[in-house]
């Protein structure tokens, strides 16, 4: 039945839309790959496809499949294939093959998007050491700076999420932190022992000297108010200069380094995207079944500063 539905769509393109022969051939190749993927999952028809299946297909396109002799596609080639899949599901919904268009929210990858470079692990460790906060004589600002940078790298938090933390958002016993992401979405993320140790030192020996009024904020400036994004950026820049890192370093560099090092350590891309709090269609339904305990287990096995 799946093959019949795809053939009906290709006939529609050729006969009713008047698509060129080369266009139809290109769509056929892309949809052959899609059919192969769905049949490999035991999905017999389009009405049994879920949005998560299309998300997984997009990931498979970018990763490739050596067992099926399928090489990984570039972002532009994957985008073209997703366009074909979206067209197929739109046609299926219009023709009554399916009740809804489950591919409606799937967005093709953007070929032009450039990710920031990640830092080698040695550079990250030198940067963290350059922040100070590891000796008994360190002042409150050094303790704060070390805690902030350790947390950013340990959790992959956005800079806005880190400076937005309150003291109660960090559970030392559970080794986790509650991050408030984009769109009001919250996620619970594991925290490594080095970061927890830095946070504990800051809370005990640093923060009490900075706070001058009732303020729930975790990271405080010298006046006792919540640390701003700009000030947090300056903390990172100063540590990078002290560490002798010449490449451009931003808070997002630490976030990308967190993700890259986890992937290098064997973590699944979907788990990493869950930890990062991405909201794209490829990181929604397929990640909702991942619990904090399973995230922590995978994270602990892959993150270089989990222990």
Protein backbone atom coordinates (compact mmCIF):
# COMPACT_ATOMS: atom_id res chain seq x y z
CA UNK A 1 0.00 0.00 0.00
CA UNK A 2 2.84 2.40 0.78
CA UNK A 3 4.30 1.92 -2.68
CA UNK A 4 0.90 2.51 -4.28
CA UNK A 5 0.47 5.79 -2.40
CA UNK A 6 3.89 7.02 -3.47
CA UNK A 7 3.21 6.05 -7.10
CA UNK A 8 -0.10 7.93 -6.96
CA UNK A 9 1.74 11.04 -5.79
CA UNK A 10 4.35 10.75 -8.53
CA UNK A 11 1.57 10.33 -11.12
CA UNK A 12 -0.09 13.44 -9.70
CA UNK A 13 3.14 15.40 -10.10
CA UNK A 14 3.61 14.23 -13.66
CA UNK A 15 0.06 14.28 -15.02
CA UNK A 16 -1.72 16.98 -13.04
CA UNK A 17 1.08 19.30 -12.01
CA UNK A 18 3.02 18.88 -15.25
CA UNK A 19 6.33 18.44 -13.43
CA UNK A 20 9.39 17.88 -15.61
CA UNK A 21 10.67 14.34 -16.05
CA UNK A 22 13.89 15.11 -14.20
CA UNK A 23 11.92 16.55 -11.28
CA UNK A 24 9.74 13.47 -11.03
CA UNK A 25 12.81 11.22 -11.23
CA UNK A 26 14.45 13.17 -8.42
CA UNK A 27 11.33 12.90 -6.27
CA UNK A 28 11.16 9.18 -7.00
CA UNK A 29 14.72 8.62 -5.76
CA UNK A 30 14.06 10.61 -2.61
CA UNK A 31 10.80 8.84 -1.88
CA UNK A 32 12.34 5.43 -2.59
CA UNK A 33 14.70 6.19 0.27
CA UNK A 34 11.77 7.27 2.43
CA UNK A 35 9.83 4.09 1.58
CA UNK A 36 12.86 1.97 2.44
CA UNK A 37 13.13 3.71 5.80
CA UNK A 38 9.43 3.31 6.65
CA UNK A 39 9.31 -0.34 5.59
CA UNK A 40 12.36 -0.97 7.74
CA UNK A 41 10.23 0.18 10.65
CA UNK A 42 7.33 -2.03 9.66
CA UNK A 43 5.13 0.89 8.58
CA UNK A 44 2.79 -0.32 5.81
CA UNK A 45 1.08 2.91 4.76
CA UNK A 46 1.21 6.67 5.17
CA UNK A 47 -1.66 6.76 7.66
CA UNK A 48 0.56 4.86 10.12
CA UNK A 49 3.38 7.42 9.92
CA UNK A 50 3.93 9.67 12.93
CA UNK A 51 5.79 12.96 13.10
CA UNK A 52 8.51 11.20 15.11
CA UNK A 53 9.12 8.82 12.18
CA UNK A 54 9.76 11.75 9.85
CA UNK A 55 12.04 13.33 12.45
CA UNK A 56 14.04 10.11 12.67
CA UNK A 57 14.19 9.93 8.88
CA UNK A 58 15.72 13.40 8.72
CA UNK A 59 18.33 12.38 11.30
CA UNK A 60 19.04 9.20 9.32
CA UNK A 61 19.58 11.24 6.17
CA UNK A 62 22.23 13.33 7.87
CA UNK A 63 23.91 10.35 9.56
CA UNK A 64 23.74 7.80 6.74
CA UNK A 65 23.33 4.02 7.06
CA UNK A 66 26.41 1.91 6.23
CA UNK A 67 24.40 -1.34 6.51
CA UNK A 68 22.20 -0.24 3.62
CA UNK A 69 25.13 1.41 1.84
CA UNK A 70 23.47 4.78 2.32
CA UNK A 71 25.94 7.61 2.73
CA UNK A 72 25.14 10.68 4.84
CA UNK A 73 23.55 13.49 2.88
CA UNK A 74 24.62 17.11 2.93
CA UNK A 75 22.22 19.64 4.42
CA UNK A 76 21.11 20.74 0.93
CA UNK A 77 20.45 17.17 -0.25
CA UNK A 78 18.61 16.32 2.96
CA UNK A 79 16.52 19.48 2.56
CA UNK A 80 15.53 18.43 -0.97
CA UNK A 81 14.47 15.00 0.31
CA UNK A 82 12.40 16.52 3.10
CA UNK A 83 10.64 18.73 0.56
CA UNK A 84 9.63 15.59 -1.34
CA UNK A 85 8.37 13.95 1.86
CA UNK A 86 6.39 17.04 2.82
CA UNK A 87 4.80 17.12 -0.61
CA UNK A 88 3.87 13.44 -0.36
CA UNK A 89 2.14 13.87 3.00
CA UNK A 90 0.34 17.02 1.89
CA UNK A 91 -0.98 15.09 -1.11
CA UNK A 92 -1.95 12.12 1.08
CA UNK A 93 -3.97 14.35 3.41
CA UNK A 94 -5.71 16.08 0.50
CA UNK A 95 -6.61 12.74 -1.11
CA UNK A 96 -7.89 11.21 2.12
CA UNK A 97 -5.10 8.66 2.50
CA UNK A 98 -4.37 10.18 5.90
CA UNK A 99 -6.42 12.18 8.39
CA UNK A 100 -3.78 14.85 8.93
CA UNK A 101 -0.56 16.05 7.36
CA UNK A 102 1.96 14.80 9.92
CA UNK A 103 4.86 16.34 7.98
CA UNK A 104 3.48 19.86 8.17
CA UNK A 105 5.80 20.96 10.99
CA UNK A 106 8.93 19.30 9.61
CA UNK A 107 11.39 21.91 8.42
CA UNK A 108 14.24 21.08 6.05
CA UNK A 109 17.74 21.70 7.46
CA UNK A 110 19.21 25.07 6.54
CA UNK A 111 22.34 24.56 4.44
CA UNK A 112 23.73 28.01 5.16
CA UNK A 113 23.63 27.75 8.93
CA UNK A 114 27.08 27.70 10.49
CA UNK A 115 27.70 26.24 13.89
CA UNK A 116 30.29 27.85 16.15
CA UNK A 117 33.54 26.00 16.53
CA UNK A 118 33.91 23.85 19.61
CA UNK A 119 36.97 24.03 21.83
CA UNK A 120 39.22 21.02 22.40
CA UNK A 121 38.80 19.55 25.86
CA UNK A 122 42.24 20.78 26.93
CA UNK A 123 41.27 24.35 26.01
CA UNK A 124 38.03 24.05 27.97
CA UNK A 125 39.88 22.84 31.05
CA UNK A 126 42.47 25.62 30.74
CA UNK A 127 39.66 28.17 30.41
CA UNK A 128 37.92 26.85 33.53
CA UNK A 129 41.17 26.91 35.50
CA UNK A 130 41.85 30.47 34.34
CA UNK A 131 38.59 31.61 35.94
CA UNK A 132 40.12 30.93 39.35
CA UNK A 133 37.90 29.83 42.20
CA UNK A 134 39.89 26.67 42.96
CA UNK A 135 41.99 27.90 45.89
CA UNK A 136 41.12 28.64 49.53
CA UNK A 137 42.14 32.29 49.17
CA UNK A 138 39.97 33.04 46.12
CA UNK A 139 37.50 35.89 46.50
CA UNK A 140 33.75 35.83 45.85
CA UNK A 141 34.04 37.00 42.23
CA UNK A 142 36.53 34.25 41.33
CA UNK A 143 34.32 31.67 43.02
CA UNK A 144 31.31 32.97 41.12
CA UNK A 145 33.12 33.03 37.78
CA UNK A 146 34.39 29.47 38.16
CA UNK A 147 30.93 28.23 39.16
CA UNK A 148 29.32 30.01 36.21
CA UNK A 149 31.71 28.62 33.59
CA UNK A 150 31.69 25.13 35.07
CA UNK A 151 27.90 25.15 34.96
CA UNK A 152 27.78 26.39 31.35
CA UNK A 153 30.06 23.60 30.15
CA UNK A 154 28.57 20.90 32.39
CA UNK A 155 24.98 21.51 31.28
CA UNK A 156 25.18 23.15 27.84
CA UNK A 157 22.96 25.92 29.18
CA UNK A 158 22.34 29.09 27.20
CA UNK A 159 23.84 32.17 28.84
CA UNK A 160 20.33 33.53 29.45
CA UNK A 161 19.38 30.28 31.20
CA UNK A 162 22.46 30.40 33.43
CA UNK A 163 22.08 34.01 34.59
CA UNK A 164 18.35 33.40 35.03
CA UNK A 165 18.93 30.66 37.59
CA UNK A 166 17.74 31.01 41.16
CA UNK A 167 19.44 29.27 44.06
CA UNK A 168 16.48 26.90 44.45
CA UNK A 169 16.83 25.76 40.82
CA UNK A 170 19.95 23.75 41.68
CA UNK A 171 19.55 20.47 43.55
CA UNK A 172 22.95 19.50 44.93
CA UNK A 173 21.71 16.17 46.27
CA UNK A 174 20.06 15.15 43.00
CA UNK A 175 22.94 16.62 40.97
CA UNK A 176 20.57 18.43 38.66
CA UNK A 177 19.57 21.92 37.61
CA UNK A 178 16.26 23.28 36.37
CA UNK A 179 16.83 25.41 33.26
CA UNK A 180 14.19 27.76 31.89
CA UNK A 181 14.52 27.71 28.12
CA UNK A 182 12.91 29.44 25.19
CA UNK A 183 9.14 29.71 25.03
CA UNK A 184 8.72 29.14 28.76
CA UNK A 185 9.87 25.53 28.48
CA UNK A 186 11.70 24.00 31.43
CA UNK A 187 14.09 21.07 31.44
CA UNK A 188 15.95 19.20 34.16
CA UNK A 189 19.61 18.62 33.32
CA UNK A 190 22.32 16.62 35.15
CA UNK A 191 25.31 18.48 36.59
CA UNK A 192 28.83 17.05 36.87
CA UNK A 193 30.72 16.83 40.15
CA UNK A 194 33.33 19.50 39.24
CA UNK A 195 30.52 21.96 38.52
CA UNK A 196 28.69 20.99 41.70
CA UNK A 197 31.88 21.45 43.71
CA UNK A 198 32.39 24.92 42.19
CA UNK A 199 28.75 25.84 42.84
CA UNK A 200 28.97 24.65 46.44
CA UNK A 201 32.14 26.67 47.04
CA UNK A 202 30.50 29.75 45.59
CA UNK A 203 27.33 29.31 47.66
CA UNK A 204 29.28 28.82 50.89
CA UNK A 205 32.23 31.23 50.49
CA UNK A 206 31.33 33.60 47.66
CA UNK A 207 27.67 34.44 47.32
CA UNK A 208 27.15 35.50 50.98
CA UNK A 209 29.70 38.28 50.44
CA UNK A 210 27.93 39.52 47.30
CA UNK A 211 24.29 39.46 48.36
CA UNK A 212 23.11 42.60 50.14
CA UNK A 213 19.38 42.02 50.13
CA UNK A 214 16.87 39.26 49.65
CA UNK A 215 17.64 38.10 46.12
CA UNK A 216 16.92 34.57 44.83
CA UNK A 217 19.38 34.87 41.91
CA UNK A 218 22.15 32.29 41.81
CA UNK A 219 24.79 34.47 40.16
CA UNK A 220 25.16 37.97 41.58
CA UNK A 221 27.11 41.06 40.53
CA UNK A 222 29.23 43.14 42.90
CA UNK A 223 26.18 45.26 43.83
CA UNK A 224 24.18 42.23 44.88
CA UNK A 225 21.88 42.18 41.82
CA UNK A 226 21.43 39.42 39.28
CA UNK A 227 24.42 39.02 36.99
CA UNK A 228 23.62 40.26 33.47
CA UNK A 229 24.27 38.45 30.21
CA UNK A 230 26.83 41.09 29.27
CA UNK A 231 28.72 40.63 32.52
CA UNK A 232 28.65 36.85 32.15
CA UNK A 233 30.05 37.26 28.62
CA UNK A 234 32.89 39.38 30.05
CA UNK A 235 33.64 36.67 32.61
CA UNK A 236 34.15 34.19 29.79
CA UNK A 237 36.20 36.58 27.68
CA UNK A 238 38.55 37.36 30.57
CA UNK A 239 39.04 33.67 31.35
CA UNK A 240 39.78 32.94 27.68
CA UNK A 241 42.40 35.71 27.62
CA UNK A 242 44.03 34.39 30.77
CA UNK A 243 44.07 30.88 29.31
CA UNK A 244 45.78 32.14 26.16
CA UNK A 245 42.96 31.02 23.87
CA UNK A 246 43.26 33.08 20.69
CA UNK A 247 40.16 31.87 18.87
CA UNK A 248 36.84 33.67 19.33
CA UNK A 249 35.09 32.36 22.42
CA UNK A 250 31.48 33.05 23.36
CA UNK A 251 29.02 31.45 25.78
CA UNK A 252 27.61 29.57 22.81
CA UNK A 253 31.09 28.19 22.15
CA UNK A 254 30.91 26.40 25.50
CA UNK A 255 27.40 25.18 24.66
CA UNK A 256 28.58 23.81 21.33
CA UNK A 257 31.67 22.28 22.96
CA UNK A 258 29.37 20.56 25.47
CA UNK A 259 27.37 19.01 22.61
CA UNK A 260 30.39 18.09 20.51
CA UNK A 261 32.23 16.41 23.38
CA UNK A 262 29.12 14.42 24.32
CA UNK A 263 28.73 13.19 20.74
CA UNK A 264 32.43 12.34 20.61
CA UNK A 265 31.91 10.38 23.83
CA UNK A 266 29.21 8.25 22.22
CA UNK A 267 26.00 10.01 23.24
CA UNK A 268 23.08 9.78 20.82
CA UNK A 269 22.30 12.98 18.92
CA UNK A 270 18.69 12.90 20.12
CA UNK A 271 19.74 12.79 23.76
CA UNK A 272 22.14 15.69 23.21
CA UNK A 273 19.37 17.74 21.61
CA UNK A 274 17.13 16.98 24.58
CA UNK A 275 19.83 18.17 26.96
CA UNK A 276 20.26 21.32 24.87
CA UNK A 277 16.52 22.03 24.96
CA UNK A 278 16.10 22.40 21.21
CA UNK A 279 12.51 22.97 20.13
CA UNK A 280 12.68 21.96 16.45
CA UNK A 281 10.48 19.19 15.14
CA UNK A 282 13.39 16.78 15.20
CA UNK A 283 13.63 17.24 18.95
CA UNK A 284 10.01 17.07 20.11
CA UNK A 285 8.06 13.81 20.13
CA UNK A 286 11.07 11.56 19.77
CA UNK A 287 12.57 12.98 22.95
CA UNK A 288 9.56 13.15 25.23
CA UNK A 289 10.09 9.58 26.43
CA UNK A 290 13.63 10.31 27.62
CA UNK A 291 13.59 10.58 31.43
CA UNK A 292 15.99 12.52 33.61
CA UNK A 293 17.43 9.25 34.92
CA UNK A 294 18.19 7.92 31.44
CA UNK A 295 19.56 11.30 30.39
CA UNK A 296 21.86 11.32 33.39
CA UNK A 297 23.10 7.80 32.65
CA UNK A 298 23.95 8.62 29.03
CA UNK A 299 25.37 12.03 29.96
CA UNK A 300 27.54 10.56 32.72
CA UNK A 301 29.03 8.03 30.33
CA UNK A 302 29.89 10.60 27.67
CA UNK A 303 30.61 13.96 29.33
CA UNK A 304 34.33 14.46 30.09
CA UNK A 305 33.58 16.35 33.35
CA UNK A 306 30.65 14.34 34.64
CA UNK A 307 32.64 13.04 37.62
